[in-house]
Amino acid sequence: MKRLVEKQVLFWKDSPRRKPLIIRGARQVGKTWLVENVLSGQFDNFIKIDFEKRRDLQVHFSGNLEPQTILSYLELAVGRITPGKTLLFFDEIQACPRAIMALRYFYEQMPEL
């Protein structure tokens, strides 16, 4: 099972026009581990935003859901985000419902991210 899931996320990474990846499952089954240990090494940079630990960042999703605007604010808090080179990981995204809504706009306007 582990190898199958790892293979699937690597296939996602190599897809030419990939959609935001949402990994769902029960608690404590390895979703975060998969991203941190399998996917993160496939990119030049890895930025993790845990919405349960960084509630202060949720405010950037409360107004305009324009991806470039959101990224500008996030970069001030977490560092440079380079589309195509940075894996931006929203952990515990259910704590910020508007971030889930924003994924659609990220896909439509910044598919390279």
PDB file of N, CA and C in Angstrom:
ATOM      1  N   MET A   1       0.825  -1.189   0.000  1.00  0.00           N
ATOM      2  CA  MET A   1       0.000   0.000   0.000  1.00  0.00           C
ATOM      3  C   MET A   1       0.871   1.256   0.000  1.00  0.00           C
ATOM      4  N   LYS A   2       1.909   1.263   0.852  1.00  0.00           N
ATOM      5  CA  LYS A   2       2.785   2.429   0.952  1.00  0.00           C
ATOM      6  C   LYS A   2       3.413   2.754  -0.397  1.00  0.00           C
ATOM      7  N   ARG A   3       3.926   1.757  -1.079  1.00  0.00           N
ATOM      8  CA  ARG A   3       4.571   1.991  -2.369  1.00  0.00           C
ATOM      9  C   ARG A   3       3.583   2.503  -3.409  1.00  0.00           C
ATOM     10  N   LEU A   4       2.351   2.017  -3.359  1.00  0.00           N
ATOM     11  CA  LEU A   4       1.330   2.460  -4.302  1.00  0.00           C
ATOM     12  C   LEU A   4       1.047   3.951  -4.113  1.00  0.00           C
ATOM     13  N   VAL A   5       0.876   4.373  -2.874  1.00  0.00           N
ATOM     14  CA  VAL A   5       0.594   5.783  -2.588  1.00  0.00           C
ATOM     15  C   VAL A   5       1.789   6.648  -2.974  1.00  0.00           C
ATOM     16  N   GLU A   6       2.997   6.198  -2.665  1.00  0.00           N
ATOM     17  CA  GLU A   6       4.189   6.955  -3.046  1.00  0.00           C
ATOM     18  C   GLU A   6       4.268   7.088  -4.562  1.00  0.00           C
ATOM     19  N   LYS A   7       3.972   6.028  -5.272  1.00  0.00           N
ATOM     20  CA  LYS A   7       3.998   6.052  -6.736  1.00  0.00           C
ATOM     21  C   LYS A   7       2.963   7.039  -7.277  1.00  0.00           C
ATOM     22  N   GLN A   8       1.785   7.069  -6.659  1.00  0.00           N
ATOM     23  CA  GLN A   8       0.724   7.973  -7.108  1.00  0.00           C
ATOM     24  C   GLN A   8       1.106   9.441  -6.912  1.00  0.00           C
ATOM     25  N   VAL A   9       1.711   9.782  -5.780  1.00  0.00           N
ATOM     26  CA  VAL A   9       2.071  11.185  -5.572  1.00  0.00           C
ATOM     27  C   VAL A   9       3.227  11.599  -6.483  1.00  0.00           C
ATOM     28  N   LEU A  10       4.119  10.682  -6.791  1.00  0.00           N
ATOM     29  CA  LEU A  10       5.204  11.003  -7.727  1.00  0.00           C
ATOM     30  C   LEU A  10       4.658  11.163  -9.143  1.00  0.00           C
ATOM     31  N   PHE A  11       3.648  10.386  -9.497  1.00  0.00           N
ATOM     32  CA  PHE A  11       2.981  10.551 -10.792  1.00  0.00           C
ATOM     33  C   PHE A  11       2.330  11.927 -10.857  1.00  0.00           C
ATOM     34  N   TRP A  12       1.684  12.339  -9.758  1.00  0.00           N
ATOM     35  CA  TRP A  12       1.076  13.672  -9.685  1.00  0.00           C
ATOM     36  C   TRP A  12       2.140  14.743  -9.910  1.00  0.00           C
ATOM     37  N   LYS A  13       3.282  14.585  -9.266  1.00  0.00           N
ATOM     38  CA  LYS A  13       4.356  15.575  -9.363  1.00  0.00           C
ATOM     39  C   LYS A  13       4.821  15.751 -10.802  1.00  0.00           C
ATOM     40  N   ASP A  14       4.855  14.672 -11.568  1.00  0.00           N
ATOM     41  CA  ASP A  14       5.343  14.724 -12.944  1.00  0.00           C
ATOM     42  C   ASP A  14       4.269  15.064 -13.969  1.00  0.00           C
ATOM     43  N   SER A  15       3.025  15.221 -13.543  1.00  0.00           N
ATOM     44  CA  SER A  15       1.943  15.558 -14.471  1.00  0.00           C
ATOM     45  C   SER A  15       2.152  16.963 -15.024  1.00  0.00           C
ATOM     46  N   PRO A  16       1.951  17.159 -16.325  1.00  0.00           N
ATOM     47  CA  PRO A  16       2.225  18.464 -16.930  1.00  0.00           C
ATOM     48  C   PRO A  16       1.306  19.588 -16.435  1.00  0.00           C
ATOM     49  N   ARG A  17       0.066  19.310 -16.169  1.00  0.00           N
ATOM     50  CA  ARG A  17      -0.864  20.332 -15.675  1.00  0.00           C
ATOM     51  C   ARG A  17      -1.580  19.755 -14.455  1.00  0.00           C
ATOM     52  N   ARG A  18      -0.835  19.693 -13.375  1.00  0.00           N
ATOM     53  CA  ARG A  18      -1.384  19.058 -12.181  1.00  0.00           C
ATOM     54  C   ARG A  18      -2.297  19.999 -11.402  1.00  0.00           C
ATOM     55  N   LYS A  19      -3.310  19.412 -10.830  1.00  0.00           N
ATOM     56  CA  LYS A  19      -4.219  20.140  -9.956  1.00  0.00           C
ATOM     57  C   LYS A  19      -3.644  20.113  -8.542  1.00  0.00           C
ATOM     58  N   PRO A  20      -4.105  21.019  -7.678  1.00  0.00           N
ATOM     59  CA  PRO A  20      -3.664  20.934  -6.286  1.00  0.00           C
ATOM     60  C   PRO A  20      -3.973  19.539  -5.737  1.00  0.00           C
ATOM     61  N   LEU A  21      -3.033  18.977  -5.048  1.00  0.00           N
ATOM     62  CA  LEU A  21      -3.177  17.627  -4.508  1.00  0.00           C
ATOM     63  C   LEU A  21      -3.793  17.704  -3.118  1.00  0.00           C
ATOM     64  N   ILE A  22      -4.886  16.994  -2.943  1.00  0.00           N
ATOM     65  CA  ILE A  22      -5.527  16.911  -1.635  1.00  0.00           C
ATOM     66  C   ILE A  22      -5.406  15.466  -1.175  1.00  0.00           C
ATOM     67  N   ILE A  23      -4.717  15.276  -0.068  1.00  0.00           N
ATOM     68  CA  ILE A  23      -4.526  13.938   0.490  1.00  0.00           C
ATOM     69  C   ILE A  23      -5.444  13.817   1.695  1.00  0.00           C
ATOM     70  N   ARG A  24      -6.392  12.893   1.594  1.00  0.00           N
ATOM     71  CA  ARG A  24      -7.374  12.724   2.665  1.00  0.00           C
ATOM     72  C   ARG A  24      -7.244  11.341   3.279  1.00  0.00           C
ATOM     73  N   GLY A  25      -7.642  11.255   4.525  1.00  0.00           N
ATOM     74  CA  GLY A  25      -7.617   9.970   5.206  1.00  0.00           C
ATOM     75  C   GLY A  25      -7.778  10.162   6.699  1.00  0.00           C
ATOM     76  N   ALA A  26      -7.843   9.055   7.385  1.00  0.00           N
ATOM     77  CA  ALA A  26      -7.987   9.081   8.838  1.00  0.00           C
ATOM     78  C   ALA A  26      -6.763   9.736   9.482  1.00  0.00           C
ATOM     79  N   ARG A  27      -6.917  10.112  10.729  1.00  0.00           N
ATOM     80  CA  ARG A  27      -5.805  10.719  11.466  1.00  0.00           C
ATOM     81  C   ARG A  27      -4.699   9.701  11.682  1.00  0.00           C
ATOM     82  N   GLN A  28      -3.468  10.203  11.671  1.00  0.00           N
ATOM     83  CA  GLN A  28      -2.295   9.408  12.029  1.00  0.00           C
ATOM     84  C   GLN A  28      -2.027   8.223  11.099  1.00  0.00           C
ATOM     85  N   VAL A  29      -2.321   8.397   9.800  1.00  0.00           N
ATOM     86  CA  VAL A  29      -2.033   7.300   8.862  1.00  0.00           C
ATOM     87  C   VAL A  29      -0.853   7.610   7.945  1.00  0.00           C
ATOM     88  N   GLY A  30      -0.268   8.811   8.068  1.00  0.00           N
ATOM     89  CA  GLY A  30       0.932   9.122   7.303  1.00  0.00           C
ATOM     90  C   GLY A  30       0.766  10.121   6.177  1.00  0.00           C
ATOM     91  N   LYS A  31      -0.299  10.901   6.183  1.00  0.00           N
ATOM     92  CA  LYS A  31      -0.511  11.882   5.108  1.00  0.00           C
ATOM     93  C   LYS A  31       0.590  12.944   5.108  1.00  0.00           C
ATOM     94  N   THR A  32       0.854  13.521   6.263  1.00  0.00           N
ATOM     95  CA  THR A  32       1.903  14.538   6.362  1.00  0.00           C
ATOM     96  C   THR A  32       3.268  13.915   6.099  1.00  0.00           C
ATOM     97  N   TRP A  33       3.509  12.729   6.619  1.00  0.00           N
ATOM     98  CA  TRP A  33       4.774  12.023   6.383  1.00  0.00           C
ATOM     99  C   TRP A  33       5.015  11.852   4.888  1.00  0.00           C
ATOM    100  N   LEU A  34       3.976  11.493   4.154  1.00  0.00           N
ATOM    101  CA  LEU A  34       4.095  11.280   2.712  1.00  0.00           C
ATOM    102  C   LEU A  34       4.592  12.546   2.014  1.00  0.00           C
ATOM    103  N   VAL A  35       4.013  13.675   2.357  1.00  0.00           N
ATOM    104  CA  VAL A  35       4.415  14.935   1.729  1.00  0.00           C
ATOM    105  C   VAL A  35       5.828  15.321   2.158  1.00  0.00           C
ATOM    106  N   GLU A  36       6.102  15.248   3.447  1.00  0.00           N
ATOM    107  CA  GLU A  36       7.407  15.684   3.963  1.00  0.00           C
ATOM    108  C   GLU A  36       8.556  14.774   3.537  1.00  0.00           C
ATOM    109  N   ASN A  37       8.303  13.493   3.394  1.00  0.00           N
ATOM    110  CA  ASN A  37       9.390  12.547   3.137  1.00  0.00           C
ATOM    111  C   ASN A  37       9.468  12.028   1.711  1.00  0.00           C
ATOM    112  N   VAL A  38       8.395  12.124   0.970  1.00  0.00           N
ATOM    113  CA  VAL A  38       8.415  11.638  -0.412  1.00  0.00           C
ATOM    114  C   VAL A  38       8.385  12.810  -1.391  1.00  0.00           C
ATOM    115  N   LEU A  39       7.416  13.694  -1.244  1.00  0.00           N
ATOM    116  CA  LEU A  39       7.270  14.791  -2.207  1.00  0.00           C
ATOM    117  C   LEU A  39       8.255  15.928  -2.003  1.00  0.00           C
ATOM    118  N   SER A  40       8.558  16.274  -0.779  1.00  0.00           N
ATOM    119  CA  SER A  40       9.390  17.461  -0.534  1.00  0.00           C
ATOM    120  C   SER A  40      10.741  17.372  -1.231  1.00  0.00           C
ATOM    121  N   GLY A  41      11.308  16.201  -1.314  1.00  0.00           N
ATOM    122  CA  GLY A  41      12.609  16.030  -1.955  1.00  0.00           C
ATOM    123  C   GLY A  41      12.577  16.134  -3.465  1.00  0.00           C
ATOM    124  N   GLN A  42      11.388  16.226  -4.027  1.00  0.00           N
ATOM    125  CA  GLN A  42      11.235  16.322  -5.474  1.00  0.00           C
ATOM    126  C   GLN A  42      11.252  17.775  -5.965  1.00  0.00           C
ATOM    127  N   PHE A  43      11.322  18.715  -5.045  1.00  0.00           N
ATOM    128  CA  PHE A  43      11.291  20.139  -5.370  1.00  0.00           C
ATOM    129  C   PHE A  43      12.531  20.819  -4.801  1.00  0.00           C
ATOM    130  N   ASP A  44      12.888  21.957  -5.375  1.00  0.00           N
ATOM    131  CA  ASP A  44      14.034  22.723  -4.873  1.00  0.00           C
ATOM    132  C   ASP A  44      13.769  23.286  -3.480  1.00  0.00           C
ATOM    133  N   ASN A  45      12.524  23.698  -3.240  1.00  0.00           N
ATOM    134  CA  ASN A  45      12.142  24.294  -1.958  1.00  0.00           C
ATOM    135  C   ASN A  45      10.870  23.638  -1.452  1.00  0.00           C
ATOM    136  N   PHE A  46      10.729  23.606  -0.143  1.00  0.00           N
ATOM    137  CA  PHE A  46       9.546  23.029   0.493  1.00  0.00           C
ATOM    138  C   PHE A  46       9.090  23.972   1.593  1.00  0.00           C
ATOM    139  N   ILE A  47       7.833  24.406   1.506  1.00  0.00           N
ATOM    140  CA  ILE A  47       7.269  25.281   2.530  1.00  0.00           C
ATOM    141  C   ILE A  47       6.000  24.635   3.050  1.00  0.00           C
ATOM    142  N   LYS A  48       5.970  24.460   4.355  1.00  0.00           N
ATOM    143  CA  LYS A  48       4.807  23.861   5.013  1.00  0.00           C
ATOM    144  C   LYS A  48       4.113  24.921   5.848  1.00  0.00           C
ATOM    145  N   ILE A  49       2.821  25.063   5.622  1.00  0.00           N
ATOM    146  CA  ILE A  49       2.003  25.952   6.440  1.00  0.00           C
ATOM    147  C   ILE A  49       0.962  25.083   7.128  1.00  0.00           C
ATOM    148  N   ASP A  50       1.069  24.969   8.431  1.00  0.00           N
ATOM    149  CA  ASP A  50       0.123  24.194   9.226  1.00  0.00           C
ATOM    150  C   ASP A  50      -0.906  25.185   9.767  1.00  0.00           C
ATOM    151  N   PHE A  51      -2.124  25.116   9.256  1.00  0.00           N
ATOM    152  CA  PHE A  51      -3.143  26.095   9.623  1.00  0.00           C
ATOM    153  C   PHE A  51      -3.631  25.954  11.064  1.00  0.00           C
ATOM    154  N   GLU A  52      -3.331  24.853  11.722  1.00  0.00           N
ATOM    155  CA  GLU A  52      -3.667  24.752  13.146  1.00  0.00           C
ATOM    156  C   GLU A  52      -2.614  25.447  13.995  1.00  0.00           C
ATOM    157  N   LYS A  53      -1.363  25.416  13.547  1.00  0.00           N
ATOM    158  CA  LYS A  53      -0.279  26.059  14.297  1.00  0.00           C
ATOM    159  C   LYS A  53      -0.079  27.515  13.903  1.00  0.00           C
ATOM    160  N   ARG A  54      -0.388  27.850  12.670  1.00  0.00           N
ATOM    161  CA  ARG A  54      -0.194  29.227  12.172  1.00  0.00           C
ATOM    162  C   ARG A  54      -1.543  29.858  11.845  1.00  0.00           C
ATOM    163  N   ARG A  55      -2.386  29.971  12.842  1.00  0.00           N
ATOM    164  CA  ARG A  55      -3.713  30.565  12.640  1.00  0.00           C
ATOM    165  C   ARG A  55      -3.617  32.011  12.156  1.00  0.00           C
ATOM    166  N   ASP A  56      -2.496  32.656  12.461  1.00  0.00           N
ATOM    167  CA  ASP A  56      -2.293  34.039  12.031  1.00  0.00           C
ATOM    168  C   ASP A  56      -2.288  34.164  10.509  1.00  0.00           C
ATOM    169  N   LEU A  57      -1.956  33.108   9.803  1.00  0.00           N
ATOM    170  CA  LEU A  57      -1.896  33.172   8.339  1.00  0.00           C
ATOM    171  C   LEU A  57      -3.269  33.013   7.688  1.00  0.00           C
ATOM    172  N   GLN A  58      -4.256  32.577   8.447  1.00  0.00           N
ATOM    173  CA  GLN A  58      -5.590  32.392   7.885  1.00  0.00           C
ATOM    174  C   GLN A  58      -6.200  33.705   7.408  1.00  0.00           C
ATOM    175  N   VAL A  59      -5.797  34.800   8.018  1.00  0.00           N
ATOM    176  CA  VAL A  59      -6.348  36.104   7.652  1.00  0.00           C
ATOM    177  C   VAL A  59      -6.086  36.436   6.180  1.00  0.00           C
ATOM    178  N   HIS A  60      -5.035  35.901   5.607  1.00  0.00           N
ATOM    179  CA  HIS A  60      -4.699  36.204   4.219  1.00  0.00           C
ATOM    180  C   HIS A  60      -5.641  35.537   3.225  1.00  0.00           C
ATOM    181  N   PHE A  61      -6.498  34.680   3.719  1.00  0.00           N
ATOM    182  CA  PHE A  61      -7.494  34.025   2.875  1.00  0.00           C
ATOM    183  C   PHE A  61      -8.894  34.579   3.130  1.00  0.00           C
ATOM    184  N   SER A  62      -9.007  35.595   3.967  1.00  0.00           N
ATOM    185  CA  SER A  62     -10.324  36.095   4.356  1.00  0.00           C
ATOM    186  C   SER A  62     -10.929  37.056   3.341  1.00  0.00           C
ATOM    187  N   GLY A  63     -10.125  37.668   2.519  1.00  0.00           N
ATOM    188  CA  GLY A  63     -10.649  38.611   1.530  1.00  0.00           C
ATOM    189  C   GLY A  63     -10.484  38.083   0.126  1.00  0.00           C
ATOM    190  N   ASN A  64      -9.692  38.781  -0.643  1.00  0.00           N
ATOM    191  CA  ASN A  64      -9.420  38.447  -2.032  1.00  0.00           C
ATOM    192  C   ASN A  64      -8.740  37.078  -2.122  1.00  0.00           C
ATOM    193  N   LEU A  65      -9.253  36.210  -2.976  1.00  0.00           N
ATOM    194  CA  LEU A  65      -8.646  34.886  -3.148  1.00  0.00           C
ATOM    195  C   LEU A  65      -7.735  34.834  -4.371  1.00  0.00           C
ATOM    196  N   GLU A  66      -7.266  35.983  -4.805  1.00  0.00           N
ATOM    197  CA  GLU A  66      -6.323  36.069  -5.920  1.00  0.00           C
ATOM    198  C   GLU A  66      -5.001  35.416  -5.505  1.00  0.00           C
ATOM    199  N   PRO A  67      -4.557  34.379  -6.217  1.00  0.00           N
ATOM    200  CA  PRO A  67      -3.348  33.658  -5.811  1.00  0.00           C
ATOM    201  C   PRO A  67      -2.119  34.538  -5.612  1.00  0.00           C
ATOM    202  N   GLN A  68      -1.875  35.475  -6.510  1.00  0.00           N
ATOM    203  CA  GLN A  68      -0.672  36.292  -6.384  1.00  0.00           C
ATOM    204  C   GLN A  68      -0.714  37.160  -5.130  1.00  0.00           C
ATOM    205  N   THR A  69      -1.894  37.645  -4.786  1.00  0.00           N
ATOM    206  CA  THR A  69      -2.052  38.439  -3.566  1.00  0.00           C
ATOM    207  C   THR A  69      -1.781  37.580  -2.334  1.00  0.00           C
ATOM    208  N   ILE A  70      -2.367  36.397  -2.304  1.00  0.00           N
ATOM    209  CA  ILE A  70      -2.165  35.486  -1.175  1.00  0.00           C
ATOM    210  C   ILE A  70      -0.692  35.124  -1.046  1.00  0.00           C
ATOM    211  N   LEU A  71      -0.055  34.778  -2.162  1.00  0.00           N
ATOM    212  CA  LEU A  71       1.357  34.393  -2.121  1.00  0.00           C
ATOM    213  C   LEU A  71       2.241  35.529  -1.631  1.00  0.00           C
ATOM    214  N   SER A  72       1.921  36.751  -2.027  1.00  0.00           N
ATOM    215  CA  SER A  72       2.713  37.901  -1.574  1.00  0.00           C
ATOM    216  C   SER A  72       2.697  38.006  -0.052  1.00  0.00           C
ATOM    217  N   TYR A  73       1.527  37.835   0.539  1.00  0.00           N
ATOM    218  CA  TYR A  73       1.420  37.881   2.001  1.00  0.00           C
ATOM    219  C   TYR A  73       2.130  36.693   2.648  1.00  0.00           C
ATOM    220  N   LEU A  74       1.932  35.503   2.084  1.00  0.00           N
ATOM    221  CA  LEU A  74       2.553  34.310   2.667  1.00  0.00           C
ATOM    222  C   LEU A  74       4.071  34.386   2.605  1.00  0.00           C
ATOM    223  N   GLU A  75       4.602  34.937   1.516  1.00  0.00           N
ATOM    224  CA  GLU A  75       6.057  35.045   1.377  1.00  0.00           C
ATOM    225  C   GLU A  75       6.673  35.900   2.480  1.00  0.00           C
ATOM    226  N   LEU A  76       5.944  36.902   2.935  1.00  0.00           N
ATOM    227  CA  LEU A  76       6.451  37.733   4.029  1.00  0.00           C
ATOM    228  C   LEU A  76       6.618  36.916   5.310  1.00  0.00           C
ATOM    229  N   ALA A  77       5.778  35.901   5.464  1.00  0.00           N
ATOM    230  CA  ALA A  77       5.809  35.095   6.689  1.00  0.00           C
ATOM    231  C   ALA A  77       6.701  33.864   6.594  1.00  0.00           C
ATOM    232  N   VAL A  78       6.777  33.258   5.396  1.00  0.00           N
ATOM    233  CA  VAL A  78       7.453  31.956   5.303  1.00  0.00           C
ATOM    234  C   VAL A  78       8.622  31.915   4.332  1.00  0.00           C
ATOM    235  N   GLY A  79       8.827  32.964   3.566  1.00  0.00           N
ATOM    236  CA  GLY A  79       9.934  32.973   2.611  1.00  0.00           C
ATOM    237  C   GLY A  79       9.470  32.851   1.172  1.00  0.00           C
ATOM    238  N   ARG A  80      10.425  32.908   0.278  1.00  0.00           N
ATOM    239  CA  ARG A  80      10.176  32.935  -1.164  1.00  0.00           C
ATOM    240  C   ARG A  80       9.467  31.672  -1.641  1.00  0.00           C
ATOM    241  N   ILE A  81       8.414  31.871  -2.437  1.00  0.00           N
ATOM    242  CA  ILE A  81       7.662  30.782  -3.054  1.00  0.00           C
ATOM    243  C   ILE A  81       7.835  30.923  -4.559  1.00  0.00           C
ATOM    244  N   THR A  82       8.535  29.984  -5.168  1.00  0.00           N
ATOM    245  CA  THR A  82       8.827  30.040  -6.597  1.00  0.00           C
ATOM    246  C   THR A  82       7.989  28.999  -7.328  1.00  0.00           C
ATOM    247  N   PRO A  83       7.024  29.442  -8.148  1.00  0.00           N
ATOM    248  CA  PRO A  83       6.210  28.482  -8.894  1.00  0.00           C
ATOM    249  C   PRO A  83       7.078  27.520  -9.703  1.00  0.00           C
ATOM    250  N   GLY A  84       6.737  26.238  -9.618  1.00  0.00           N
ATOM    251  CA  GLY A  84       7.480  25.212 -10.335  1.00  0.00           C
ATOM    252  C   GLY A  84       8.673  24.666  -9.572  1.00  0.00           C
ATOM    253  N   LYS A  85       9.139  25.405  -8.579  1.00  0.00           N
ATOM    254  CA  LYS A  85      10.309  24.976  -7.811  1.00  0.00           C
ATOM    255  C   LYS A  85      10.018  24.776  -6.323  1.00  0.00           C
ATOM    256  N   THR A  86       8.926  25.380  -5.862  1.00  0.00           N
ATOM    257  CA  THR A  86       8.565  25.284  -4.449  1.00  0.00           C
ATOM    258  C   THR A  86       7.333  24.409  -4.283  1.00  0.00           C
ATOM    259  N   LEU A  87       7.424  23.446  -3.388  1.00  0.00           N
ATOM    260  CA  LEU A  87       6.245  22.679  -2.992  1.00  0.00           C
ATOM    261  C   LEU A  87       5.633  23.412  -1.808  1.00  0.00           C
ATOM    262  N   LEU A  88       4.452  23.965  -2.016  1.00  0.00           N
ATOM    263  CA  LEU A  88       3.734  24.684  -0.967  1.00  0.00           C
ATOM    264  C   LEU A  88       2.708  23.726  -0.376  1.00  0.00           C
ATOM    265  N   PHE A  89       2.905  23.370   0.877  1.00  0.00           N
ATOM    266  CA  PHE A  89       2.090  22.359   1.547  1.00  0.00           C
ATOM    267  C   PHE A  89       1.229  23.014   2.614  1.00  0.00           C
ATOM    268  N   PHE A  90      -0.090  22.972   2.413  1.00  0.00           N
ATOM    269  CA  PHE A  90      -1.037  23.463   3.406  1.00  0.00           C
ATOM    270  C   PHE A  90      -1.476  22.271   4.255  1.00  0.00           C
ATOM    271  N   ASP A  91      -0.894  22.137   5.435  1.00  0.00           N
ATOM    272  CA  ASP A  91      -1.263  21.053   6.342  1.00  0.00           C
ATOM    273  C   ASP A  91      -2.434  21.512   7.204  1.00  0.00           C
ATOM    274  N   GLU A  92      -3.288  20.584   7.570  1.00  0.00           N
ATOM    275  CA  GLU A  92      -4.478  20.877   8.378  1.00  0.00           C
ATOM    276  C   GLU A  92      -5.312  21.974   7.717  1.00  0.00           C
ATOM    277  N   ILE A  93      -5.476  21.879   6.405  1.00  0.00           N
ATOM    278  CA  ILE A  93      -6.179  22.913   5.636  1.00  0.00           C
ATOM    279  C   ILE A  93      -7.650  23.031   6.037  1.00  0.00           C
ATOM    280  N   GLN A  94      -8.213  21.982   6.621  1.00  0.00           N
ATOM    281  CA  GLN A  94      -9.610  22.046   7.050  1.00  0.00           C
ATOM    282  C   GLN A  94      -9.820  23.129   8.105  1.00  0.00           C
ATOM    283  N   ALA A  95      -8.769  23.578   8.762  1.00  0.00           N
ATOM    284  CA  ALA A  95      -8.870  24.651   9.756  1.00  0.00           C
ATOM    285  C   ALA A  95      -9.054  26.018   9.098  1.00  0.00           C
ATOM    286  N   CYS A  96      -8.886  26.089   7.784  1.00  0.00           N
ATOM    287  CA  CYS A  96      -9.032  27.349   7.040  1.00  0.00           C
ATOM    288  C   CYS A  96      -9.849  27.081   5.775  1.00  0.00           C
ATOM    289  N   PRO A  97     -11.179  27.015   5.893  1.00  0.00           N
ATOM    290  CA  PRO A  97     -12.024  26.672   4.746  1.00  0.00           C
ATOM    291  C   PRO A  97     -11.803  27.551   3.513  1.00  0.00           C
ATOM    292  N   ARG A  98     -11.468  28.816   3.716  1.00  0.00           N
ATOM    293  CA  ARG A  98     -11.252  29.681   2.543  1.00  0.00           C
ATOM    294  C   ARG A  98      -9.972  29.309   1.799  1.00  0.00           C
ATOM    295  N   ALA A  99      -9.026  28.693   2.472  1.00  0.00           N
ATOM    296  CA  ALA A  99      -7.827  28.208   1.775  1.00  0.00           C
ATOM    297  C   ALA A  99      -8.206  27.075   0.829  1.00  0.00           C
ATOM    298  N   ILE A 100      -9.155  26.253   1.248  1.00  0.00           N
ATOM    299  CA  ILE A 100      -9.644  25.185   0.368  1.00  0.00           C
ATOM    300  C   ILE A 100     -10.294  25.804  -0.862  1.00  0.00           C
ATOM    301  N   MET A 101     -11.096  26.845  -0.659  1.00  0.00           N
ATOM    302  CA  MET A 101     -11.726  27.538  -1.791  1.00  0.00           C
ATOM    303  C   MET A 101     -10.673  28.139  -2.713  1.00  0.00           C
ATOM    304  N   ALA A 102      -9.599  28.649  -2.150  1.00  0.00           N
ATOM    305  CA  ALA A 102      -8.552  29.304  -2.939  1.00  0.00           C
ATOM    306  C   ALA A 102      -7.822  28.329  -3.857  1.00  0.00           C
ATOM    307  N   LEU A 103      -7.825  27.048  -3.529  1.00  0.00           N
ATOM    308  CA  LEU A 103      -7.119  26.071  -4.363  1.00  0.00           C
ATOM    309  C   LEU A 103      -7.604  26.103  -5.806  1.00  0.00           C
ATOM    310  N   ARG A 104      -8.886  26.341  -5.996  1.00  0.00           N
ATOM    311  CA  ARG A 104      -9.439  26.431  -7.357  1.00  0.00           C
ATOM    312  C   ARG A 104      -8.765  27.559  -8.138  1.00  0.00           C
ATOM    313  N   TYR A 105      -8.592  28.689  -7.503  1.00  0.00           N
ATOM    314  CA  TYR A 105      -7.980  29.834  -8.171  1.00  0.00           C
ATOM    315  C   TYR A 105      -6.488  29.621  -8.397  1.00  0.00           C
ATOM    316  N   PHE A 106      -5.844  28.939  -7.466  1.00  0.00           N
ATOM    317  CA  PHE A 106      -4.434  28.593  -7.678  1.00  0.00           C
ATOM    318  C   PHE A 106      -4.306  27.714  -8.923  1.00  0.00           C
ATOM    319  N   TYR A 107      -5.198  26.757  -9.073  1.00  0.00           N
ATOM    320  CA  TYR A 107      -5.148  25.865 -10.235  1.00  0.00           C
ATOM    321  C   TYR A 107      -5.407  26.628 -11.533  1.00  0.00           C
ATOM    322  N   GLU A 108      -6.414  27.491 -11.520  1.00  0.00           N
ATOM    323  CA  GLU A 108      -6.789  28.220 -12.732  1.00  0.00           C
ATOM    324  C   GLU A 108      -5.766  29.282 -13.114  1.00  0.00           C
ATOM    325  N   GLN A 109      -5.216  29.995 -12.131  1.00  0.00           N
ATOM    326  CA  GLN A 109      -4.371  31.145 -12.429  1.00  0.00           C
ATOM    327  C   GLN A 109      -2.874  30.886 -12.265  1.00  0.00           C
ATOM    328  N   MET A 110      -2.510  29.867 -11.510  1.00  0.00           N
ATOM    329  CA  MET A 110      -1.089  29.555 -11.291  1.00  0.00           C
ATOM    330  C   MET A 110      -0.869  28.042 -11.326  1.00  0.00           C
ATOM    331  N   PRO A 111      -1.199  27.386 -12.423  1.00  0.00           N
ATOM    332  CA  PRO A 111      -1.079  25.921 -12.463  1.00  0.00           C
ATOM    333  C   PRO A 111       0.353  25.428 -12.275  1.00  0.00           C
ATOM    334  N   GLU A 112       1.334  26.281 -12.534  1.00  0.00           N
ATOM    335  CA  GLU A 112       2.734  25.877 -12.379  1.00  0.00           C
ATOM    336  C   GLU A 112       3.145  25.756 -10.916  1.00  0.00           C
ATOM    337  N   LEU A 113       2.353  26.336 -10.001  1.00  0.00           N
ATOM    338  CA  LEU A 113       2.681  26.246  -8.580  1.00  0.00           C
ATOM    339  C   LEU A 113       2.349  24.856  -8.087  1.00  0.00           C
TER     340      LEU A 113
END
